[in-house]
Amino acid sequence: MIYGALNIPETDYPVLGIGATNLAISVFNGVIYGIIAWLIYSLIAGREKKDQTNVNVDVHVHEKEKEEPKTTQTS
């Protein structure tokens, strides 16, 4: 319906064995339905993130005192 509202003239010119008009309508439908699916996914994913609780955890690591390197003297 949206493609028909654009008033694009139809053609029978074959593109890869498929009529150009049918190919254009197919690609147009794929893009439209892809955008709708993406919007639905984004709304569902956004709702799930709001239900989660963030917890901050601080981790402190204590290291033993390091030994000083031994020095050797040569004569």
N, C-alpha and C. Protein backbone atom coordinates (compact mmCIF):
# COMPACT_ATOMS: atom_id res chain seq x y z
N MET A 1 0.82 -1.19 0.00
CA MET A 1 0.00 0.00 0.00
C MET A 1 0.87 1.26 0.00
N ILE A 2 1.93 1.25 0.79
CA ILE A 2 2.80 2.43 0.85
C ILE A 2 3.49 2.64 -0.49
N TYR A 3 3.96 1.53 -1.09
CA TYR A 3 4.62 1.64 -2.39
C TYR A 3 3.65 2.16 -3.45
N GLY A 4 2.42 1.71 -3.40
CA GLY A 4 1.41 2.18 -4.34
C GLY A 4 1.11 3.66 -4.16
N ALA A 5 1.19 4.14 -2.93
CA ALA A 5 0.93 5.55 -2.66
C ALA A 5 2.03 6.45 -3.22
N LEU A 6 3.20 5.90 -3.50
CA LEU A 6 4.31 6.69 -4.03
C LEU A 6 4.14 7.01 -5.51
N ASN A 7 3.18 6.36 -6.18
CA ASN A 7 2.89 6.58 -7.60
C ASN A 7 4.11 6.39 -8.51
N ILE A 8 4.86 5.35 -8.25
CA ILE A 8 6.01 5.02 -9.08
C ILE A 8 5.51 4.16 -10.24
N PRO A 9 5.88 4.50 -11.48
CA PRO A 9 5.39 3.71 -12.62
C PRO A 9 5.94 2.28 -12.58
N GLU A 10 5.11 1.34 -13.02
CA GLU A 10 5.52 -0.06 -13.04
C GLU A 10 6.31 -0.35 -14.32
N THR A 11 7.21 -1.31 -14.22
CA THR A 11 8.00 -1.72 -15.37
C THR A 11 8.19 -3.23 -15.33
N ASP A 12 8.36 -3.83 -16.47
CA ASP A 12 8.58 -5.27 -16.55
C ASP A 12 10.05 -5.59 -16.79
N TYR A 13 10.91 -4.61 -16.68
CA TYR A 13 12.33 -4.83 -16.92
C TYR A 13 12.85 -5.88 -15.94
N PRO A 14 13.47 -6.97 -16.43
CA PRO A 14 13.93 -8.02 -15.52
C PRO A 14 15.27 -7.67 -14.85
N VAL A 15 15.32 -7.89 -13.56
CA VAL A 15 16.55 -7.75 -12.79
C VAL A 15 16.78 -9.09 -12.10
N LEU A 16 17.84 -9.78 -12.52
CA LEU A 16 18.14 -11.12 -12.02
C LEU A 16 16.95 -12.07 -12.20
N GLY A 17 16.23 -11.90 -13.28
CA GLY A 17 15.11 -12.78 -13.59
C GLY A 17 13.81 -12.41 -12.88
N ILE A 18 13.81 -11.34 -12.14
CA ILE A 18 12.61 -10.89 -11.41
C ILE A 18 12.25 -9.52 -11.96
N GLY A 19 10.96 -9.25 -12.10
CA GLY A 19 10.53 -7.94 -12.58
C GLY A 19 10.99 -6.84 -11.63
N ALA A 20 11.44 -5.73 -12.18
CA ALA A 20 12.00 -4.64 -11.37
C ALA A 20 10.98 -4.12 -10.36
N THR A 21 9.71 -4.02 -10.76
CA THR A 21 8.69 -3.52 -9.85
C THR A 21 8.50 -4.48 -8.67
N ASN A 22 8.43 -5.78 -8.96
CA ASN A 22 8.27 -6.76 -7.88
C ASN A 22 9.49 -6.77 -6.96
N LEU A 23 10.67 -6.62 -7.52
CA LEU A 23 11.89 -6.58 -6.73
C LEU A 23 11.90 -5.35 -5.83
N ALA A 24 11.52 -4.20 -6.36
CA ALA A 24 11.49 -2.97 -5.56
C ALA A 24 10.47 -3.07 -4.44
N ILE A 25 9.29 -3.63 -4.74
CA ILE A 25 8.27 -3.79 -3.71
C ILE A 25 8.77 -4.74 -2.62
N SER A 26 9.45 -5.81 -3.00
CA SER A 26 9.97 -6.78 -2.03
C SER A 26 11.00 -6.15 -1.10
N VAL A 27 11.93 -5.41 -1.67
CA VAL A 27 12.96 -4.75 -0.86
C VAL A 27 12.31 -3.71 0.05
N PHE A 28 11.39 -2.94 -0.47
CA PHE A 28 10.68 -1.93 0.32
C PHE A 28 9.95 -2.57 1.49
N ASN A 29 9.23 -3.67 1.25
CA ASN A 29 8.54 -4.38 2.33
C ASN A 29 9.53 -4.91 3.37
N GLY A 30 10.65 -5.44 2.92
CA GLY A 30 11.66 -5.94 3.86
C GLY A 30 12.20 -4.85 4.77
N VAL A 31 12.44 -3.68 4.20
CA VAL A 31 12.94 -2.56 5.00
C VAL A 31 11.90 -2.11 6.02
N ILE A 32 10.65 -1.97 5.57
CA ILE A 32 9.58 -1.53 6.47
C ILE A 32 9.38 -2.52 7.61
N TYR A 33 9.25 -3.82 7.28
CA TYR A 33 9.06 -4.82 8.32
C TYR A 33 10.30 -4.94 9.22
N GLY A 34 11.49 -4.73 8.69
CA GLY A 34 12.71 -4.74 9.50
C GLY A 34 12.70 -3.61 10.52
N ILE A 35 12.27 -2.43 10.11
CA ILE A 35 12.20 -1.29 11.03
C ILE A 35 11.16 -1.56 12.12
N ILE A 36 10.02 -2.13 11.74
CA ILE A 36 8.98 -2.43 12.73
C ILE A 36 9.50 -3.47 13.73
N ALA A 37 10.16 -4.51 13.26
CA ALA A 37 10.71 -5.54 14.16
C ALA A 37 11.76 -4.95 15.08
N TRP A 38 12.61 -4.06 14.56
CA TRP A 38 13.65 -3.42 15.38
C TRP A 38 13.02 -2.55 16.46
N LEU A 39 11.96 -1.81 16.12
CA LEU A 39 11.29 -0.98 17.12
C LEU A 39 10.67 -1.83 18.22
N ILE A 40 10.02 -2.92 17.85
CA ILE A 40 9.43 -3.80 18.87
C ILE A 40 10.52 -4.39 19.75
N TYR A 41 11.62 -4.83 19.16
CA TYR A 41 12.73 -5.38 19.95
C TYR A 41 13.30 -4.32 20.90
N SER A 42 13.47 -3.10 20.40
CA SER A 42 14.02 -2.03 21.24
C SER A 42 13.11 -1.71 22.42
N LEU A 43 11.80 -1.70 22.18
CA LEU A 43 10.87 -1.43 23.27
C LEU A 43 10.91 -2.54 24.32
N ILE A 44 10.96 -3.79 23.87
CA ILE A 44 11.01 -4.92 24.82
C ILE A 44 12.33 -4.93 25.57
N ALA A 45 13.44 -4.72 24.88
CA ALA A 45 14.76 -4.72 25.53
C ALA A 45 14.88 -3.56 26.50
N GLY A 46 14.33 -2.40 26.17
CA GLY A 46 14.38 -1.25 27.07
C GLY A 46 13.57 -1.49 28.32
N ARG A 47 12.45 -2.17 28.20
CA ARG A 47 11.61 -2.47 29.36
C ARG A 47 12.32 -3.44 30.30
N GLU A 48 13.03 -4.43 29.75
CA GLU A 48 13.74 -5.39 30.58
C GLU A 48 14.87 -4.74 31.35
N LYS A 49 15.54 -3.77 30.77
CA LYS A 49 16.64 -3.09 31.46
C LYS A 49 16.14 -2.26 32.63
N LYS A 50 14.94 -1.71 32.53
CA LYS A 50 14.39 -0.90 33.62
C LYS A 50 14.07 -1.74 34.83
N ASP A 51 13.79 -3.03 34.65
CA ASP A 51 13.44 -3.91 35.75
C ASP A 51 14.66 -4.39 36.52
N GLN A 52 15.84 -4.18 36.00
CA GLN A 52 17.05 -4.65 36.64
C GLN A 52 17.53 -3.64 37.67
N THR A 53 18.20 -4.14 38.71
CA THR A 53 18.77 -3.29 39.75
C THR A 53 20.29 -3.30 39.61
N ASN A 54 20.88 -2.13 39.65
CA ASN A 54 22.34 -2.04 39.57
C ASN A 54 22.92 -2.10 40.97
N VAL A 55 23.94 -2.91 41.14
CA VAL A 55 24.62 -3.04 42.42
C VAL A 55 26.09 -2.72 42.19
N ASN A 56 26.62 -1.78 42.95
CA ASN A 56 28.04 -1.44 42.85
C ASN A 56 28.81 -2.22 43.90
N VAL A 57 29.86 -2.87 43.49
CA VAL A 57 30.68 -3.67 44.39
C VAL A 57 32.11 -3.15 44.30
N ASP A 58 32.67 -2.79 45.45
CA ASP A 58 34.07 -2.36 45.51
C ASP A 58 34.91 -3.53 45.98
N VAL A 59 35.99 -3.81 45.27
CA VAL A 59 36.88 -4.90 45.63
C VAL A 59 38.24 -4.30 45.93
N HIS A 60 38.76 -4.64 47.11
CA HIS A 60 40.09 -4.16 47.51
C HIS A 60 41.00 -5.36 47.64
N VAL A 61 42.16 -5.29 47.02
CA VAL A 61 43.12 -6.37 47.07
C VAL A 61 44.32 -5.89 47.86
N HIS A 62 44.64 -6.62 48.92
CA HIS A 62 45.79 -6.27 49.74
C HIS A 62 46.95 -7.18 49.36
N GLU A 63 48.07 -6.58 49.03
CA GLU A 63 49.24 -7.37 48.65
C GLU A 63 50.21 -7.38 49.81
N LYS A 64 50.95 -8.47 49.93
CA LYS A 64 51.99 -8.55 50.95
C LYS A 64 53.09 -7.57 50.58
N GLU A 65 53.80 -7.14 51.61
CA GLU A 65 54.90 -6.24 51.33
C GLU A 65 55.93 -6.97 50.49
N LYS A 66 56.37 -6.30 49.48
CA LYS A 66 57.34 -6.92 48.58
C LYS A 66 58.72 -6.88 49.22
N GLU A 67 59.48 -7.96 49.03
CA GLU A 67 60.84 -8.01 49.54
C GLU A 67 61.71 -7.13 48.66
N GLU A 68 62.67 -6.47 49.33
CA GLU A 68 63.61 -5.67 48.58
C GLU A 68 64.57 -6.58 47.83
N PRO A 69 64.90 -6.23 46.62
CA PRO A 69 65.82 -7.09 45.87
C PRO A 69 67.20 -7.13 46.54
N LYS A 70 67.80 -8.29 46.53
CA LYS A 70 69.12 -8.46 47.12
C LYS A 70 70.16 -7.90 46.16
N THR A 71 71.13 -7.21 46.73
CA THR A 71 72.22 -6.69 45.90
C THR A 71 73.48 -7.46 46.19
N THR A 72 74.24 -7.69 45.19
CA THR A 72 75.52 -8.39 45.38
C THR A 72 76.64 -7.43 45.04
N GLN A 73 77.70 -7.56 45.80
CA GLN A 73 78.86 -6.71 45.55
C GLN A 73 79.97 -7.56 44.94
N THR A 74 80.58 -7.02 43.96
CA THR A 74 81.70 -7.73 43.34
C THR A 74 82.96 -6.95 43.63
N SER A 75 84.05 -7.67 43.80
CA SER A 75 85.29 -6.98 44.08
C SER A 75 86.31 -7.19 43.01
